[in-house]
PDB file of N, CA and C in Angstrom:
ATOM      1  N   MET A   1      20.158  31.035  16.294  1.00  0.00           N
ATOM      2  CA  MET A   1      19.150  31.863  16.941  1.00  0.00           C
ATOM      3  C   MET A   1      19.659  33.292  17.055  1.00  0.00           C
ATOM      4  N   GLN A   2      18.762  34.222  16.838  1.00  0.00           N
ATOM      5  CA  GLN A   2      19.121  35.630  16.897  1.00  0.00           C
ATOM      6  C   GLN A   2      19.024  36.150  18.337  1.00  0.00           C
ATOM      7  N   THR A   3      19.891  37.097  18.660  1.00  0.00           N
ATOM      8  CA  THR A   3      19.836  37.759  19.954  1.00  0.00           C
ATOM      9  C   THR A   3      19.832  39.262  19.718  1.00  0.00           C
ATOM     10  N   GLY A   4      19.378  39.991  20.731  1.00  0.00           N
ATOM     11  CA  GLY A   4      19.353  41.442  20.603  1.00  0.00           C
ATOM     12  C   GLY A   4      18.868  42.100  21.871  1.00  0.00           C
ATOM     13  N   THR A   5      18.577  43.397  21.750  1.00  0.00           N
ATOM     14  CA  THR A   5      18.146  44.221  22.868  1.00  0.00           C
ATOM     15  C   THR A   5      16.791  44.833  22.545  1.00  0.00           C
ATOM     16  N   VAL A   6      15.890  44.839  23.532  1.00  0.00           N
ATOM     17  CA  VAL A   6      14.553  45.396  23.334  1.00  0.00           C
ATOM     18  C   VAL A   6      14.661  46.917  23.161  1.00  0.00           C
ATOM     19  N   TYR A   7      14.194  47.398  22.019  1.00  0.00           N
ATOM     20  CA  TYR A   7      14.189  48.824  21.697  1.00  0.00           C
ATOM     21  C   TYR A   7      12.924  49.489  22.234  1.00  0.00           C
ATOM     22  N   THR A   8      11.775  48.813  22.059  1.00  0.00           N
ATOM     23  CA  THR A   8      10.497  49.310  22.561  1.00  0.00           C
ATOM     24  C   THR A   8       9.547  48.129  22.702  1.00  0.00           C
ATOM     25  N   GLU A   9       8.457  48.335  23.445  1.00  0.00           N
ATOM     26  CA  GLU A   9       7.505  47.257  23.683  1.00  0.00           C
ATOM     27  C   GLU A   9       6.108  47.817  23.877  1.00  0.00           C
ATOM     28  N   THR A  10       5.125  46.953  23.666  1.00  0.00           N
ATOM     29  CA  THR A  10       3.735  47.315  23.919  1.00  0.00           C
ATOM     30  C   THR A  10       2.948  46.052  24.227  1.00  0.00           C
ATOM     31  N   ILE A  11       1.821  46.228  24.890  1.00  0.00           N
ATOM     32  CA  ILE A  11       0.924  45.116  25.182  1.00  0.00           C
ATOM     33  C   ILE A  11      -0.295  45.251  24.270  1.00  0.00           C
ATOM     34  N   VAL A  12      -0.622  44.180  23.559  1.00  0.00           N
ATOM     35  CA  VAL A  12      -1.766  44.168  22.651  1.00  0.00           C
ATOM     36  C   VAL A  12      -2.978  43.616  23.403  1.00  0.00           C
ATOM     37  N   HIS A  13      -4.051  44.414  23.433  1.00  0.00           N
ATOM     38  CA  HIS A  13      -5.291  43.998  24.091  1.00  0.00           C
ATOM     39  C   HIS A  13      -6.415  43.729  23.094  1.00  0.00           C
ATOM     40  N   LEU A  14      -6.292  44.283  21.900  1.00  0.00           N
ATOM     41  CA  LEU A  14      -7.283  44.087  20.845  1.00  0.00           C
ATOM     42  C   LEU A  14      -6.523  43.672  19.595  1.00  0.00           C
ATOM     43  N   ALA A  15      -6.614  42.395  19.256  1.00  0.00           N
ATOM     44  CA  ALA A  15      -5.784  41.834  18.196  1.00  0.00           C
ATOM     45  C   ALA A  15      -6.605  41.437  16.982  1.00  0.00           C
ATOM     46  N   PRO A  16      -5.926  41.251  15.841  1.00  0.00           N
ATOM     47  CA  PRO A  16      -6.611  40.704  14.672  1.00  0.00           C
ATOM     48  C   PRO A  16      -7.181  39.329  15.009  1.00  0.00           C
ATOM     49  N   GLU A  17      -8.190  38.912  14.277  1.00  0.00           N
ATOM     50  CA  GLU A  17      -8.880  37.654  14.554  1.00  0.00           C
ATOM     51  C   GLU A  17      -7.907  36.477  14.698  1.00  0.00           C
ATOM     52  N   ARG A  18      -6.869  36.457  13.882  1.00  0.00           N
ATOM     53  CA  ARG A  18      -5.878  35.374  13.904  1.00  0.00           C
ATOM     54  C   ARG A  18      -5.219  35.213  15.276  1.00  0.00           C
ATOM     55  N   PHE A  19      -5.070  36.317  16.024  1.00  0.00           N
ATOM     56  CA  PHE A  19      -4.382  36.294  17.316  1.00  0.00           C
ATOM     57  C   PHE A  19      -5.302  36.624  18.489  1.00  0.00           C
ATOM     58  N   ALA A  20      -6.594  36.720  18.254  1.00  0.00           N
ATOM     59  CA  ALA A  20      -7.539  37.144  19.292  1.00  0.00           C
ATOM     60  C   ALA A  20      -7.515  36.258  20.530  1.00  0.00           C
ATOM     61  N   ALA A  21      -7.288  34.982  20.368  1.00  0.00           N
ATOM     62  CA  ALA A  21      -7.267  34.067  21.510  1.00  0.00           C
ATOM     63  C   ALA A  21      -6.037  34.269  22.397  1.00  0.00           C
ATOM     64  N   ASP A  22      -5.034  34.991  21.905  1.00  0.00           N
ATOM     65  CA  ASP A  22      -3.781  35.178  22.644  1.00  0.00           C
ATOM     66  C   ASP A  22      -3.752  36.434  23.519  1.00  0.00           C
ATOM     67  N   VAL A  23      -4.719  37.333  23.382  1.00  0.00           N
ATOM     68  CA  VAL A  23      -4.653  38.609  24.106  1.00  0.00           C
ATOM     69  C   VAL A  23      -4.804  38.408  25.608  1.00  0.00           C
ATOM     70  N   PRO A  24      -4.159  39.230  26.425  1.00  0.00           N
ATOM     71  CA  PRO A  24      -3.159  40.208  26.033  1.00  0.00           C
ATOM     72  C   PRO A  24      -1.808  39.543  25.777  1.00  0.00           C
ATOM     73  N   TYR A  25      -1.049  40.107  24.832  1.00  0.00           N
ATOM     74  CA  TYR A  25       0.300  39.612  24.566  1.00  0.00           C
ATOM     75  C   TYR A  25       1.211  40.795  24.273  1.00  0.00           C
ATOM     76  N   GLN A  26       2.506  40.566  24.444  1.00  0.00           N
ATOM     77  CA  GLN A  26       3.487  41.630  24.298  1.00  0.00           C
ATOM     78  C   GLN A  26       4.164  41.540  22.936  1.00  0.00           C
ATOM     79  N   VAL A  27       4.320  42.703  22.302  1.00  0.00           N
ATOM     80  CA  VAL A  27       5.029  42.827  21.037  1.00  0.00           C
ATOM     81  C   VAL A  27       6.221  43.755  21.280  1.00  0.00           C
ATOM     82  N   ILE A  28       7.367  43.379  20.703  1.00  0.00           N
ATOM     83  CA  ILE A  28       8.581  44.164  20.903  1.00  0.00           C
ATOM     84  C   ILE A  28       9.255  44.449  19.572  1.00  0.00           C
ATOM     85  N   ILE A  29      10.067  45.481  19.561  1.00  0.00           N
ATOM     86  CA  ILE A  29      11.018  45.708  18.476  1.00  0.00           C
ATOM     87  C   ILE A  29      12.381  45.448  19.078  1.00  0.00           C
ATOM     88  N   VAL A  30      13.139  44.566  18.415  1.00  0.00           N
ATOM     89  CA  VAL A  30      14.445  44.144  18.899  1.00  0.00           C
ATOM     90  C   VAL A  30      15.527  44.705  17.985  1.00  0.00           C
ATOM     91  N   VAL A  31      16.539  45.334  18.585  1.00  0.00           N
ATOM     92  CA  VAL A  31      17.743  45.723  17.854  1.00  0.00           C
ATOM     93  C   VAL A  31      18.642  44.490  17.885  1.00  0.00           C
ATOM     94  N   LEU A  32      18.818  43.869  16.736  1.00  0.00           N
ATOM     95  CA  LEU A  32      19.571  42.616  16.670  1.00  0.00           C
ATOM     96  C   LEU A  32      21.069  42.858  16.858  1.00  0.00           C
ATOM     97  N   ASP A  33      21.717  41.928  17.556  1.00  0.00           N
ATOM     98  CA  ASP A  33      23.172  42.022  17.737  1.00  0.00           C
ATOM     99  C   ASP A  33      23.892  41.960  16.401  1.00  0.00           C
ATOM    100  N   SER A  34      23.293  41.293  15.418  1.00  0.00           N
ATOM    101  CA  SER A  34      23.889  41.158  14.086  1.00  0.00           C
ATOM    102  C   SER A  34      23.589  42.357  13.187  1.00  0.00           C
ATOM    103  N   GLY A  35      22.781  43.300  13.696  1.00  0.00           N
ATOM    104  CA  GLY A  35      22.427  44.493  12.929  1.00  0.00           C
ATOM    105  C   GLY A  35      20.975  44.444  12.483  1.00  0.00           C
ATOM    106  N   GLY A  36      20.356  45.598  12.394  1.00  0.00           N
ATOM    107  CA  GLY A  36      18.969  45.686  11.977  1.00  0.00           C
ATOM    108  C   GLY A  36      18.011  45.589  13.149  1.00  0.00           C
ATOM    109  N   ARG A  37      16.732  45.662  12.832  1.00  0.00           N
ATOM    110  CA  ARG A  37      15.668  45.565  13.836  1.00  0.00           C
ATOM    111  C   ARG A  37      14.609  44.603  13.336  1.00  0.00           C
ATOM    112  N   ILE A  38      13.896  44.003  14.292  1.00  0.00           N
ATOM    113  CA  ILE A  38      12.840  43.057  13.954  1.00  0.00           C
ATOM    114  C   ILE A  38      11.692  43.232  14.950  1.00  0.00           C
ATOM    115  N   THR A  39      10.474  43.109  14.454  1.00  0.00           N
ATOM    116  CA  THR A  39       9.293  43.129  15.316  1.00  0.00           C
ATOM    117  C   THR A  39       8.972  41.692  15.676  1.00  0.00           C
ATOM    118  N   ALA A  40       8.680  41.445  16.956  1.00  0.00           N
ATOM    119  CA  ALA A  40       8.477  40.069  17.413  1.00  0.00           C
ATOM    120  C   ALA A  40       7.502  40.019  18.576  1.00  0.00           C
ATOM    121  N   ARG A  41       7.082  38.813  18.909  1.00  0.00           N
ATOM    122  CA  ARG A  41       6.273  38.578  20.106  1.00  0.00           C
ATOM    123  C   ARG A  41       7.167  38.052  21.207  1.00  0.00           C
ATOM    124  N   VAL A  42       6.643  38.115  22.437  1.00  0.00           N
ATOM    125  CA  VAL A  42       7.398  37.664  23.605  1.00  0.00           C
ATOM    126  C   VAL A  42       6.802  36.367  24.125  1.00  0.00           C
ATOM    127  N   ASP A  43       7.683  35.439  24.449  1.00  0.00           N
ATOM    128  CA  ASP A  43       7.296  34.157  25.028  1.00  0.00           C
ATOM    129  C   ASP A  43       7.695  34.177  26.501  1.00  0.00           C
ATOM    130  N   GLY A  44       6.765  33.872  27.378  1.00  0.00           N
ATOM    131  CA  GLY A  44       7.091  33.828  28.808  1.00  0.00           C
ATOM    132  C   GLY A  44       6.900  35.172  29.479  1.00  0.00           C
ATOM    133  N   ASP A  45       7.785  35.463  30.440  1.00  0.00           N
ATOM    134  CA  ASP A  45       7.680  36.697  31.213  1.00  0.00           C
ATOM    135  C   ASP A  45       7.831  37.926  30.334  1.00  0.00           C
ATOM    136  N   ARG A  46       7.139  38.981  30.710  1.00  0.00           N
ATOM    137  CA  ARG A  46       7.246  40.236  29.968  1.00  0.00           C
ATOM    138  C   ARG A  46       8.662  40.783  30.048  1.00  0.00           C
ATOM    139  N   VAL A  47       9.031  41.523  29.016  1.00  0.00           N
ATOM    140  CA  VAL A  47      10.356  42.129  28.954  1.00  0.00           C
ATOM    141  C   VAL A  47      10.220  43.643  29.009  1.00  0.00           C
ATOM    142  N   SER A  48      11.331  44.306  29.290  1.00  0.00           N
ATOM    143  CA  SER A  48      11.370  45.764  29.369  1.00  0.00           C
ATOM    144  C   SER A  48      12.376  46.304  28.368  1.00  0.00           C
ATOM    145  N   ILE A  49      12.251  47.583  28.065  1.00  0.00           N
ATOM    146  CA  ILE A  49      13.209  48.248  27.185  1.00  0.00           C
ATOM    147  C   ILE A  49      14.602  48.070  27.776  1.00  0.00           C
ATOM    148  N   GLY A  50      15.541  47.668  26.926  1.00  0.00           N
ATOM    149  CA  GLY A  50      16.920  47.459  27.352  1.00  0.00           C
ATOM    150  C   GLY A  50      17.256  46.017  27.708  1.00  0.00           C
ATOM    151  N   ASP A  51      16.240  45.162  27.871  1.00  0.00           N
ATOM    152  CA  ASP A  51      16.494  43.758  28.184  1.00  0.00           C
ATOM    153  C   ASP A  51      17.144  43.050  26.997  1.00  0.00           C
ATOM    154  N   HIS A  52      18.035  42.113  27.288  1.00  0.00           N
ATOM    155  CA  HIS A  52      18.656  41.287  26.257  1.00  0.00           C
ATOM    156  C   HIS A  52      17.752  40.076  26.037  1.00  0.00           C
ATOM    157  N   VAL A  53      17.456  39.762  24.771  1.00  0.00           N
ATOM    158  CA  VAL A  53      16.524  38.695  24.432  1.00  0.00           C
ATOM    159  C   VAL A  53      17.126  37.754  23.388  1.00  0.00           C
ATOM    160  N   VAL A  54      16.535  36.550  23.303  1.00  0.00           N
ATOM    161  CA  VAL A  54      16.962  35.554  22.332  1.00  0.00           C
ATOM    162  C   VAL A  54      15.727  35.000  21.624  1.00  0.00           C
ATOM    163  N   GLU A  55      15.862  34.722  20.339  1.00  0.00           N
ATOM    164  CA  GLU A  55      14.758  34.131  19.582  1.00  0.00           C
ATOM    165  C   GLU A  55      14.614  32.664  19.975  1.00  0.00           C
ATOM    166  N   THR A  56      13.380  32.252  20.274  1.00  0.00           N
ATOM    167  CA  THR A  56      13.140  30.875  20.686  1.00  0.00           C
ATOM    168  C   THR A  56      12.464  30.050  19.603  1.00  0.00           C
ATOM    169  N   GLU A  57      11.681  30.704  18.757  1.00  0.00           N
ATOM    170  CA  GLU A  57      10.977  29.985  17.695  1.00  0.00           C
ATOM    171  C   GLU A  57      10.377  30.976  16.710  1.00  0.00           C
ATOM    172  N   ASN A  58       9.751  30.427  15.690  1.00  0.00           N
ATOM    173  CA  ASN A  58       9.031  31.211  14.700  1.00  0.00           C
ATOM    174  C   ASN A  58       7.660  30.570  14.565  1.00  0.00           C
ATOM    175  N   ARG A  59       6.616  31.295  14.977  1.00  0.00           N
ATOM    176  CA  ARG A  59       5.242  30.763  14.943  1.00  0.00           C
ATOM    177  C   ARG A  59       4.505  31.351  13.744  1.00  0.00           C
ATOM    178  N   GLU A  60       4.296  30.541  12.751  1.00  0.00           N
ATOM    179  CA  GLU A  60       3.555  30.956  11.554  1.00  0.00           C
ATOM    180  C   GLU A  60       4.109  32.252  10.959  1.00  0.00           C
ATOM    181  N   GLY A  61       5.416  32.350  10.892  1.00  0.00           N
ATOM    182  CA  GLY A  61       6.056  33.519  10.311  1.00  0.00           C
ATOM    183  C   GLY A  61       6.293  34.662  11.282  1.00  0.00           C
ATOM    184  N   VAL A  62       5.934  34.479  12.546  1.00  0.00           N
ATOM    185  CA  VAL A  62       6.119  35.525  13.560  1.00  0.00           C
ATOM    186  C   VAL A  62       7.251  35.103  14.487  1.00  0.00           C
ATOM    187  N   PRO A  63       8.367  35.876  14.527  1.00  0.00           N
ATOM    188  CA  PRO A  63       9.457  35.524  15.430  1.00  0.00           C
ATOM    189  C   PRO A  63       9.032  35.712  16.879  1.00  0.00           C
ATOM    190  N   VAL A  64       9.514  34.815  17.748  1.00  0.00           N
ATOM    191  CA  VAL A  64       9.175  34.851  19.166  1.00  0.00           C
ATOM    192  C   VAL A  64      10.473  34.894  19.964  1.00  0.00           C
ATOM    193  N   PHE A  65      10.572  35.854  20.879  1.00  0.00           N
ATOM    194  CA  PHE A  65      11.758  36.033  21.702  1.00  0.00           C
ATOM    195  C   PHE A  65      11.414  35.864  23.172  1.00  0.00           C
ATOM    196  N   ARG A  66      12.448  35.555  23.974  1.00  0.00           N
ATOM    197  CA  ARG A  66      12.301  35.522  25.427  1.00  0.00           C
ATOM    198  C   ARG A  66      13.503  36.208  26.046  1.00  0.00           C
ATOM    199  N   LYS A  67      13.352  36.616  27.297  1.00  0.00           N
ATOM    200  CA  LYS A  67      14.413  37.300  28.036  1.00  0.00           C
ATOM    201  C   LYS A  67      15.548  36.327  28.333  1.00  0.00           C
ATOM    202  N   LEU A  68      16.764  36.809  28.168  1.00  0.00           N
ATOM    203  CA  LEU A  68      17.939  35.994  28.538  1.00  0.00           C
ATOM    204  C   LEU A  68      18.188  36.053  30.015  1.00  0.00           C
TER     205      LEU A  68
END
């Protein structure tokens, strides 16, 4: 599982049809501890910039992270 730090975040209120049932949901960019960045969704409580997160699953090709 990948871990990293939240670089930035936003809340999606108007989503593509595929994710419309999930709104509102949080999307983050994570600076991975192993290097690089990844765009992901948040599972559970909302996170803030600077929070340390861990990948919990991959939903249909979309990585999902939660706060450590």
